[in-house]
PDB file of N, CA and C in Angstrom:
ATOM      1  N   MET A   1       0.843  -1.181   0.000  1.00  0.00           N
ATOM      2  CA  MET A   1       0.000   0.000   0.000  1.00  0.00           C
ATOM      3  C   MET A   1       0.889   1.245   0.000  1.00  0.00           C
ATOM      4  N   LYS A   2       0.558   2.200  -0.833  1.00  0.00           N
ATOM      5  CA  LYS A   2       1.321   3.424  -0.920  1.00  0.00           C
ATOM      6  C   LYS A   2       0.966   4.322   0.261  1.00  0.00           C
ATOM      7  N   PRO A   3       1.960   4.975   0.872  1.00  0.00           N
ATOM      8  CA  PRO A   3       1.692   5.756   2.085  1.00  0.00           C
ATOM      9  C   PRO A   3       0.754   6.939   1.872  1.00  0.00           C
ATOM     10  N   PHE A   4       0.773   7.555   0.695  1.00  0.00           N
ATOM     11  CA  PHE A   4      -0.059   8.746   0.471  1.00  0.00           C
ATOM     12  C   PHE A   4      -1.172   8.481  -0.553  1.00  0.00           C
ATOM     13  N   ALA A   5      -1.480   7.241  -0.819  1.00  0.00           N
ATOM     14  CA  ALA A   5      -2.442   6.912  -1.870  1.00  0.00           C
ATOM     15  C   ALA A   5      -3.839   7.441  -1.553  1.00  0.00           C
ATOM     16  N   LYS A   6      -4.222   7.477  -0.292  1.00  0.00           N
ATOM     17  CA  LYS A   6      -5.580   7.901   0.042  1.00  0.00           C
ATOM     18  C   LYS A   6      -5.723   9.425   0.154  1.00  0.00           C
ATOM     19  N   TYR A   7      -4.606  10.163   0.133  1.00  0.00           N
ATOM     20  CA  TYR A   7      -4.666  11.622   0.240  1.00  0.00           C
ATOM     21  C   TYR A   7      -4.605  12.263  -1.145  1.00  0.00           C
ATOM     22  N   PRO A   8      -5.362  13.309  -1.340  1.00  0.00           N
ATOM     23  CA  PRO A   8      -5.246  14.031  -2.617  1.00  0.00           C
ATOM     24  C   PRO A   8      -3.893  14.754  -2.703  1.00  0.00           C
ATOM     25  N   LEU A   9      -3.582  15.235  -3.869  1.00  0.00           N
ATOM     26  CA  LEU A   9      -2.292  15.865  -4.110  1.00  0.00           C
ATOM     27  C   LEU A   9      -2.050  17.063  -3.196  1.00  0.00           C
ATOM     28  N   SER A  10      -3.075  17.824  -2.896  1.00  0.00           N
ATOM     29  CA  SER A  10      -2.894  19.009  -2.065  1.00  0.00           C
ATOM     30  C   SER A  10      -2.431  18.650  -0.656  1.00  0.00           C
ATOM     31  N   LYS A  11      -2.903  17.556  -0.110  1.00  0.00           N
ATOM     32  CA  LYS A  11      -2.464  17.145   1.228  1.00  0.00           C
ATOM     33  C   LYS A  11      -1.004  16.696   1.200  1.00  0.00           C
ATOM     34  N   LYS A  12      -0.596  16.051   0.098  1.00  0.00           N
ATOM     35  CA  LYS A  12       0.801  15.642  -0.033  1.00  0.00           C
ATOM     36  C   LYS A  12       1.697  16.871  -0.083  1.00  0.00           C
ATOM     37  N   MET A  13       1.273  17.863  -0.834  1.00  0.00           N
ATOM     38  CA  MET A  13       2.068  19.085  -0.967  1.00  0.00           C
ATOM     39  C   MET A  13       2.156  19.823   0.365  1.00  0.00           C
ATOM     40  N   LYS A  14       1.064  19.866   1.096  1.00  0.00           N
ATOM     41  CA  LYS A  14       1.082  20.525   2.406  1.00  0.00           C
ATOM     42  C   LYS A  14       2.043  19.802   3.343  1.00  0.00           C
ATOM     43  N   TYR A  15       2.019  18.483   3.302  1.00  0.00           N
ATOM     44  CA  TYR A  15       2.911  17.712   4.154  1.00  0.00           C
ATOM     45  C   TYR A  15       4.374  18.003   3.805  1.00  0.00           C
ATOM     46  N   LEU A  16       4.691  17.976   2.520  1.00  0.00           N
ATOM     47  CA  LEU A  16       6.055  18.258   2.094  1.00  0.00           C
ATOM     48  C   LEU A  16       6.465  19.678   2.463  1.00  0.00           C
ATOM     49  N   PHE A  17       5.544  20.609   2.332  1.00  0.00           N
ATOM     50  CA  PHE A  17       5.822  21.998   2.693  1.00  0.00           C
ATOM     51  C   PHE A  17       6.155  22.118   4.177  1.00  0.00           C
ATOM     52  N   VAL A  18       5.360  21.480   5.012  1.00  0.00           N
ATOM     53  CA  VAL A  18       5.577  21.554   6.465  1.00  0.00           C
ATOM     54  C   VAL A  18       6.897  20.894   6.851  1.00  0.00           C
ATOM     55  N   VAL A  19       7.262  19.840   6.170  1.00  0.00           N
ATOM     56  CA  VAL A  19       8.494  19.121   6.497  1.00  0.00           C
ATOM     57  C   VAL A  19       9.731  19.886   6.032  1.00  0.00           C
ATOM     58  N   PHE A  20       9.713  20.423   4.802  1.00  0.00           N
ATOM     59  CA  PHE A  20      10.913  21.010   4.220  1.00  0.00           C
ATOM     60  C   PHE A  20      11.047  22.512   4.421  1.00  0.00           C
ATOM     61  N   TYR A  21       9.987  23.218   4.733  1.00  0.00           N
ATOM     62  CA  TYR A  21      10.058  24.666   4.890  1.00  0.00           C
ATOM     63  C   TYR A  21      11.018  25.096   6.002  1.00  0.00           C
ATOM     64  N   PRO A  22      10.961  24.528   7.199  1.00  0.00           N
ATOM     65  CA  PRO A  22      11.931  24.929   8.239  1.00  0.00           C
ATOM     66  C   PRO A  22      13.379  24.669   7.829  1.00  0.00           C
ATOM     67  N   PHE A  23      13.609  23.609   7.085  1.00  0.00           N
ATOM     68  CA  PHE A  23      14.960  23.304   6.614  1.00  0.00           C
ATOM     69  C   PHE A  23      15.494  24.424   5.728  1.00  0.00           C
ATOM     70  N   PHE A  24      14.680  24.916   4.817  1.00  0.00           N
ATOM     71  CA  PHE A  24      15.103  25.998   3.921  1.00  0.00           C
ATOM     72  C   PHE A  24      15.315  27.298   4.680  1.00  0.00           C
ATOM     73  N   LEU A  25      14.508  27.561   5.688  1.00  0.00           N
ATOM     74  CA  LEU A  25      14.697  28.772   6.492  1.00  0.00           C
ATOM     75  C   LEU A  25      16.020  28.747   7.232  1.00  0.00           C
ATOM     76  N   ILE A  26      16.342  27.619   7.799  1.00  0.00           N
ATOM     77  CA  ILE A  26      17.587  27.495   8.560  1.00  0.00           C
ATOM     78  C   ILE A  26      18.795  27.643   7.631  1.00  0.00           C
ATOM     79  N   CYS A  27      18.749  27.011   6.470  1.00  0.00           N
ATOM     80  CA  CYS A  27      19.874  27.077   5.535  1.00  0.00           C
ATOM     81  C   CYS A  27      20.078  28.488   5.012  1.00  0.00           C
ATOM     82  N   SER A  28      19.000  29.171   4.667  1.00  0.00           N
ATOM     83  CA  SER A  28      19.150  30.527   4.134  1.00  0.00           C
ATOM     84  C   SER A  28      19.622  31.494   5.209  1.00  0.00           C
ATOM     85  N   ALA A  29      19.153  31.336   6.436  1.00  0.00           N
ATOM     86  CA  ALA A  29      19.602  32.210   7.519  1.00  0.00           C
ATOM     87  C   ALA A  29      21.089  32.000   7.794  1.00  0.00           C
ATOM     88  N   GLU A  30      21.544  30.767   7.727  1.00  0.00           N
ATOM     89  CA  GLU A  30      22.966  30.492   7.947  1.00  0.00           C
ATOM     90  C   GLU A  30      23.815  31.083   6.828  1.00  0.00           C
ATOM     91  N   ALA A  31      23.333  31.023   5.604  1.00  0.00           N
ATOM     92  CA  ALA A  31      24.073  31.576   4.473  1.00  0.00           C
ATOM     93  C   ALA A  31      24.211  33.085   4.594  1.00  0.00           C
ATOM     94  N   VAL A  32      23.154  33.756   5.014  1.00  0.00           N
ATOM     95  CA  VAL A  32      23.203  35.211   5.188  1.00  0.00           C
ATOM     96  C   VAL A  32      24.192  35.570   6.288  1.00  0.00           C
ATOM     97  N   THR A  33      24.162  34.838   7.380  1.00  0.00           N
ATOM     98  CA  THR A  33      25.075  35.101   8.484  1.00  0.00           C
ATOM     99  C   THR A  33      26.521  34.905   8.048  1.00  0.00           C
ATOM    100  N   THR A  34      26.800  33.872   7.292  1.00  0.00           N
ATOM    101  CA  THR A  34      28.150  33.601   6.824  1.00  0.00           C
ATOM    102  C   THR A  34      28.636  34.706   5.893  1.00  0.00           C
ATOM    103  N   LYS A  35      27.777  35.148   4.974  1.00  0.00           N
ATOM    104  CA  LYS A  35      28.164  36.213   4.046  1.00  0.00           C
ATOM    105  C   LYS A  35      28.406  37.518   4.790  1.00  0.00           C
ATOM    106  N   MET A  36      27.566  37.823   5.750  1.00  0.00           N
ATOM    107  CA  MET A  36      27.723  39.054   6.520  1.00  0.00           C
ATOM    108  C   MET A  36      29.022  39.011   7.318  1.00  0.00           C
ATOM    109  N   PHE A  37      29.345  37.860   7.881  1.00  0.00           N
ATOM    110  CA  PHE A  37      30.599  37.729   8.623  1.00  0.00           C
ATOM    111  C   PHE A  37      31.798  37.969   7.707  1.00  0.00           C
ATOM    112  N   LYS A  38      31.748  37.429   6.487  1.00  0.00           N
ATOM    113  CA  LYS A  38      32.864  37.605   5.556  1.00  0.00           C
ATOM    114  C   LYS A  38      33.048  39.075   5.191  1.00  0.00           C
ATOM    115  N   VAL A  39      31.946  39.792   5.005  1.00  0.00           N
ATOM    116  CA  VAL A  39      32.037  41.219   4.685  1.00  0.00           C
ATOM    117  C   VAL A  39      32.627  41.984   5.862  1.00  0.00           C
ATOM    118  N   LEU A  40      32.115  41.744   7.053  1.00  0.00           N
ATOM    119  CA  LEU A  40      32.621  42.441   8.239  1.00  0.00           C
ATOM    120  C   LEU A  40      34.085  42.096   8.505  1.00  0.00           C
ATOM    121  N   ASP A  41      34.443  40.842   8.285  1.00  0.00           N
ATOM    122  CA  ASP A  41      35.823  40.416   8.490  1.00  0.00           C
ATOM    123  C   ASP A  41      36.758  41.106   7.500  1.00  0.00           C
ATOM    124  N   THR A  42      36.340  41.180   6.243  1.00  0.00           N
ATOM    125  CA  THR A  42      37.162  41.837   5.228  1.00  0.00           C
ATOM    126  C   THR A  42      37.313  43.319   5.528  1.00  0.00           C
ATOM    127  N   CYS A  43      36.222  43.979   5.929  1.00  0.00           N
ATOM    128  CA  CYS A  43      36.295  45.407   6.259  1.00  0.00           C
ATOM    129  C   CYS A  43      37.201  45.645   7.469  1.00  0.00           C
ATOM    130  N   ALA A  44      37.127  44.769   8.452  1.00  0.00           N
ATOM    131  CA  ALA A  44      37.974  44.912   9.632  1.00  0.00           C
ATOM    132  C   ALA A  44      39.445  44.710   9.274  1.00  0.00           C
ATOM    133  N   ARG A  45      39.721  43.708   8.454  1.00  0.00           N
ATOM    134  CA  ARG A  45      41.105  43.458   8.036  1.00  0.00           C
ATOM    135  C   ARG A  45      41.653  44.624   7.216  1.00  0.00           C
ATOM    136  N   TYR A  46      40.800  45.225   6.400  1.00  0.00           N
ATOM    137  CA  TYR A  46      41.224  46.400   5.630  1.00  0.00           C
ATOM    138  C   TYR A  46      41.521  47.560   6.569  1.00  0.00           C
ATOM    139  N   ARG A  47      40.642  47.774   7.526  1.00  0.00           N
ATOM    140  CA  ARG A  47      40.818  48.896   8.455  1.00  0.00           C
ATOM    141  C   ARG A  47      42.068  48.728   9.303  1.00  0.00           C
ATOM    142  N   LEU A  48      42.388  47.495   9.659  1.00  0.00           N
ATOM    143  CA  LEU A  48      43.587  47.232  10.461  1.00  0.00           C
ATOM    144  C   LEU A  48      44.866  47.225   9.624  1.00  0.00           C
ATOM    145  N   GLY A  49      44.719  47.255   8.314  1.00  0.00           N
ATOM    146  CA  GLY A  49      45.883  47.279   7.450  1.00  0.00           C
ATOM    147  C   GLY A  49      46.431  45.910   7.108  1.00  0.00           C
ATOM    148  N   GLU A  50      45.690  44.859   7.404  1.00  0.00           N
ATOM    149  CA  GLU A  50      46.156  43.513   7.069  1.00  0.00           C
ATOM    150  C   GLU A  50      46.059  43.239   5.578  1.00  0.00           C
ATOM    151  N   ILE A  51      45.098  43.861   4.924  1.00  0.00           N
ATOM    152  CA  ILE A  51      44.964  43.721   3.474  1.00  0.00           C
ATOM    153  C   ILE A  51      44.849  45.120   2.875  1.00  0.00           C
ATOM    154  N   ASN A  52      45.219  45.240   1.617  1.00  0.00           N
ATOM    155  CA  ASN A  52      45.112  46.548   0.973  1.00  0.00           C
ATOM    156  C   ASN A  52      43.751  46.673   0.278  1.00  0.00           C
ATOM    157  N   ALA A  53      43.502  47.815  -0.335  1.00  0.00           N
ATOM    158  CA  ALA A  53      42.205  48.093  -0.939  1.00  0.00           C
ATOM    159  C   ALA A  53      41.904  47.152  -2.101  1.00  0.00           C
ATOM    160  N   ASN A  54      42.908  46.833  -2.891  1.00  0.00           N
ATOM    161  CA  ASN A  54      42.681  45.931  -4.032  1.00  0.00           C
ATOM    162  C   ASN A  54      42.296  44.526  -3.579  1.00  0.00           C
ATOM    163  N   GLU A  55      42.927  44.041  -2.522  1.00  0.00           N
ATOM    164  CA  GLU A  55      42.556  42.729  -1.984  1.00  0.00           C
ATOM    165  C   GLU A  55      41.147  42.767  -1.403  1.00  0.00           C
ATOM    166  N   ALA A  56      40.802  43.863  -0.739  1.00  0.00           N
ATOM    167  CA  ALA A  56      39.457  44.001  -0.177  1.00  0.00           C
ATOM    168  C   ALA A  56      38.405  44.031  -1.280  1.00  0.00           C
ATOM    169  N   ILE A  57      38.695  44.739  -2.364  1.00  0.00           N
ATOM    170  CA  ILE A  57      37.759  44.785  -3.495  1.00  0.00           C
ATOM    171  C   ILE A  57      37.561  43.396  -4.079  1.00  0.00           C
ATOM    172  N   GLU A  58      38.619  42.646  -4.166  1.00  0.00           N
ATOM    173  CA  GLU A  58      38.534  41.284  -4.703  1.00  0.00           C
ATOM    174  C   GLU A  58      37.708  40.386  -3.778  1.00  0.00           C
ATOM    175  N   LYS A  59      37.956  40.465  -2.461  1.00  0.00           N
ATOM    176  CA  LYS A  59      37.225  39.625  -1.512  1.00  0.00           C
ATOM    177  C   LYS A  59      35.753  40.026  -1.399  1.00  0.00           C
ATOM    178  N   LEU A  60      35.480  41.321  -1.522  1.00  0.00           N
ATOM    179  CA  LEU A  60      34.096  41.804  -1.433  1.00  0.00           C
ATOM    180  C   LEU A  60      33.358  41.689  -2.761  1.00  0.00           C
ATOM    181  N   LYS A  61      34.069  41.278  -3.797  1.00  0.00           N
ATOM    182  CA  LYS A  61      33.507  41.106  -5.139  1.00  0.00           C
ATOM    183  C   LYS A  61      32.882  42.403  -5.653  1.00  0.00           C
ATOM    184  N   LEU A  62      33.617  43.492  -5.473  1.00  0.00           N
ATOM    185  CA  LEU A  62      33.176  44.793  -5.967  1.00  0.00           C
ATOM    186  C   LEU A  62      33.790  45.046  -7.328  1.00  0.00           C
ATOM    187  N   LYS A  63      33.165  45.938  -8.073  1.00  0.00           N
ATOM    188  CA  LYS A  63      33.689  46.307  -9.389  1.00  0.00           C
ATOM    189  C   LYS A  63      34.158  47.752  -9.340  1.00  0.00           C
ATOM    190  N   LEU A  64      35.394  47.946  -9.707  1.00  0.00           N
ATOM    191  CA  LEU A  64      35.974  49.287  -9.746  1.00  0.00           C
ATOM    192  C   LEU A  64      35.767  49.858 -11.136  1.00  0.00           C
ATOM    193  N   THR A  65      34.978  50.924 -11.206  1.00  0.00           N
ATOM    194  CA  THR A  65      34.714  51.560 -12.501  1.00  0.00           C
ATOM    195  C   THR A  65      35.434  52.896 -12.561  1.00  0.00           C
ATOM    196  N   ASN A  66      35.476  53.481 -13.710  1.00  0.00           N
ATOM    197  CA  ASN A  66      36.150  54.768 -13.910  1.00  0.00           C
ATOM    198  C   ASN A  66      35.187  55.939 -13.782  1.00  0.00           C
ATOM    199  N   SER A  67      34.048  55.726 -13.178  1.00  0.00           N
ATOM    200  CA  SER A  67      33.078  56.820 -13.069  1.00  0.00           C
ATOM    201  C   SER A  67      33.454  57.761 -11.939  1.00  0.00           C
ATOM    202  N   SER A  68      32.609  57.929 -10.960  1.00  0.00           N
ATOM    203  CA  SER A  68      32.863  58.910  -9.900  1.00  0.00           C
ATOM    204  C   SER A  68      33.915  58.439  -8.896  1.00  0.00           C
ATOM    205  N   ILE A  69      34.094  57.142  -8.760  1.00  0.00           N
ATOM    206  CA  ILE A  69      35.062  56.614  -7.796  1.00  0.00           C
ATOM    207  C   ILE A  69      36.284  56.134  -8.572  1.00  0.00           C
ATOM    208  N   ASN A  70      37.373  56.857  -8.455  1.00  0.00           N
ATOM    209  CA  ASN A  70      38.579  56.498  -9.188  1.00  0.00           C
ATOM    210  C   ASN A  70      39.555  55.681  -8.357  1.00  0.00           C
ATOM    211  N   LYS A  71      39.502  55.822  -7.054  1.00  0.00           N
ATOM    212  CA  LYS A  71      40.478  55.168  -6.207  1.00  0.00           C
ATOM    213  C   LYS A  71      39.865  53.946  -5.517  1.00  0.00           C
ATOM    214  N   PRO A  72      40.620  52.855  -5.439  1.00  0.00           N
ATOM    215  CA  PRO A  72      40.119  51.665  -4.729  1.00  0.00           C
ATOM    216  C   PRO A  72      39.828  51.949  -3.257  1.00  0.00           C
ATOM    217  N   ASN A  73      40.638  52.821  -2.637  1.00  0.00           N
ATOM    218  CA  ASN A  73      40.423  53.137  -1.220  1.00  0.00           C
ATOM    219  C   ASN A  73      39.051  53.757  -0.986  1.00  0.00           C
ATOM    220  N   ASP A  74      38.644  54.667  -1.876  1.00  0.00           N
ATOM    221  CA  ASP A  74      37.341  55.316  -1.722  1.00  0.00           C
ATOM    222  C   ASP A  74      36.193  54.319  -1.830  1.00  0.00           C
ATOM    223  N   LEU A  75      36.314  53.388  -2.770  1.00  0.00           N
ATOM    224  CA  LEU A  75      35.273  52.390  -2.955  1.00  0.00           C
ATOM    225  C   LEU A  75      35.133  51.512  -1.721  1.00  0.00           C
ATOM    226  N   VAL A  76      36.243  51.042  -1.195  1.00  0.00           N
ATOM    227  CA  VAL A  76      36.201  50.173  -0.010  1.00  0.00           C
ATOM    228  C   VAL A  76      35.691  50.956   1.198  1.00  0.00           C
ATOM    229  N   LYS A  77      36.129  52.197   1.365  1.00  0.00           N
ATOM    230  CA  LYS A  77      35.665  53.011   2.491  1.00  0.00           C
ATOM    231  C   LYS A  77      34.156  53.221   2.447  1.00  0.00           C
ATOM    232  N   LYS A  78      33.635  53.532   1.272  1.00  0.00           N
ATOM    233  CA  LYS A  78      32.193  53.748   1.159  1.00  0.00           C
ATOM    234  C   LYS A  78      31.413  52.462   1.392  1.00  0.00           C
ATOM    235  N   TYR A  79      31.910  51.360   0.849  1.00  0.00           N
ATOM    236  CA  TYR A  79      31.218  50.082   1.017  1.00  0.00           C
ATOM    237  C   TYR A  79      31.234  49.637   2.476  1.00  0.00           C
ATOM    238  N   CYS A  80      32.393  49.728   3.117  1.00  0.00           N
ATOM    239  CA  CYS A  80      32.510  49.273   4.502  1.00  0.00           C
ATOM    240  C   CYS A  80      31.796  50.204   5.479  1.00  0.00           C
ATOM    241  N   SER A  81      31.629  51.465   5.125  1.00  0.00           N
ATOM    242  CA  SER A  81      30.938  52.383   6.030  1.00  0.00           C
ATOM    243  C   SER A  81      29.472  51.996   6.208  1.00  0.00           C
ATOM    244  N   VAL A  82      28.913  51.274   5.261  1.00  0.00           N
ATOM    245  CA  VAL A  82      27.522  50.811   5.385  1.00  0.00           C
ATOM    246  C   VAL A  82      27.397  49.787   6.509  1.00  0.00           C
ATOM    247  N   PHE A  83      28.438  48.995   6.714  1.00  0.00           N
ATOM    248  CA  PHE A  83      28.390  47.928   7.708  1.00  0.00           C
ATOM    249  C   PHE A  83      28.932  48.336   9.063  1.00  0.00           C
ATOM    250  N   THR A  84      29.289  49.588   9.228  1.00  0.00           N
ATOM    251  CA  THR A  84      29.827  50.066  10.494  1.00  0.00           C
ATOM    252  C   THR A  84      28.674  50.502  11.396  1.00  0.00           C
ATOM    253  N   PRO A  85      28.573  49.923  12.586  1.00  0.00           N
ATOM    254  CA  PRO A  85      27.448  50.284  13.463  1.00  0.00           C
ATOM    255  C   PRO A  85      27.513  51.717  13.970  1.00  0.00           C
ATOM    256  N   ASN A  86      28.693  52.258  14.100  1.00  0.00           N
ATOM    257  CA  ASN A  86      28.849  53.624  14.600  1.00  0.00           C
ATOM    258  C   ASN A  86      29.257  54.513  13.427  1.00  0.00           C
ATOM    259  N   GLU A  87      28.458  55.504  13.123  1.00  0.00           N
ATOM    260  CA  GLU A  87      28.724  56.345  11.955  1.00  0.00           C
ATOM    261  C   GLU A  87      29.970  57.219  12.116  1.00  0.00           C
ATOM    262  N   LYS A  88      30.459  57.381  13.313  1.00  0.00           N
ATOM    263  CA  LYS A  88      31.631  58.239  13.535  1.00  0.00           C
ATOM    264  C   LYS A  88      32.943  57.545  13.203  1.00  0.00           C
ATOM    265  N   ILE A  89      32.923  56.235  13.034  1.00  0.00           N
ATOM    266  CA  ILE A  89      34.135  55.500  12.692  1.00  0.00           C
ATOM    267  C   ILE A  89      34.420  55.687  11.219  1.00  0.00           C
ATOM    268  N   GLU A  90      35.624  56.105  10.918  1.00  0.00           N
ATOM    269  CA  GLU A  90      36.017  56.296   9.523  1.00  0.00           C
ATOM    270  C   GLU A  90      37.019  55.225   9.139  1.00  0.00           C
ATOM    271  N   PHE A  91      36.948  54.805   7.912  1.00  0.00           N
ATOM    272  CA  PHE A  91      37.867  53.775   7.420  1.00  0.00           C
ATOM    273  C   PHE A  91      39.057  54.385   6.778  1.00  0.00           C
TER     274      PHE A  91
END
């Protein structure tokens, strides 16, 4: 006997949704936390002088264009300032 043979398709879908939905929430929340940590870690390493602006741009996967921002330092400073909890801290 098939386990879901007596249930219509909608009940099967609801069951699968209830079973797998928490799994997807946990995985996506962990991925966001990991990405945020990598950004904060890269900004901190840049601020401490462990890496230079070009390495930070590479790790943050930013694109340096020739428009208004000409220097790599300016791009990293502006990007990292978004993640700084205290607005008075300058990079």
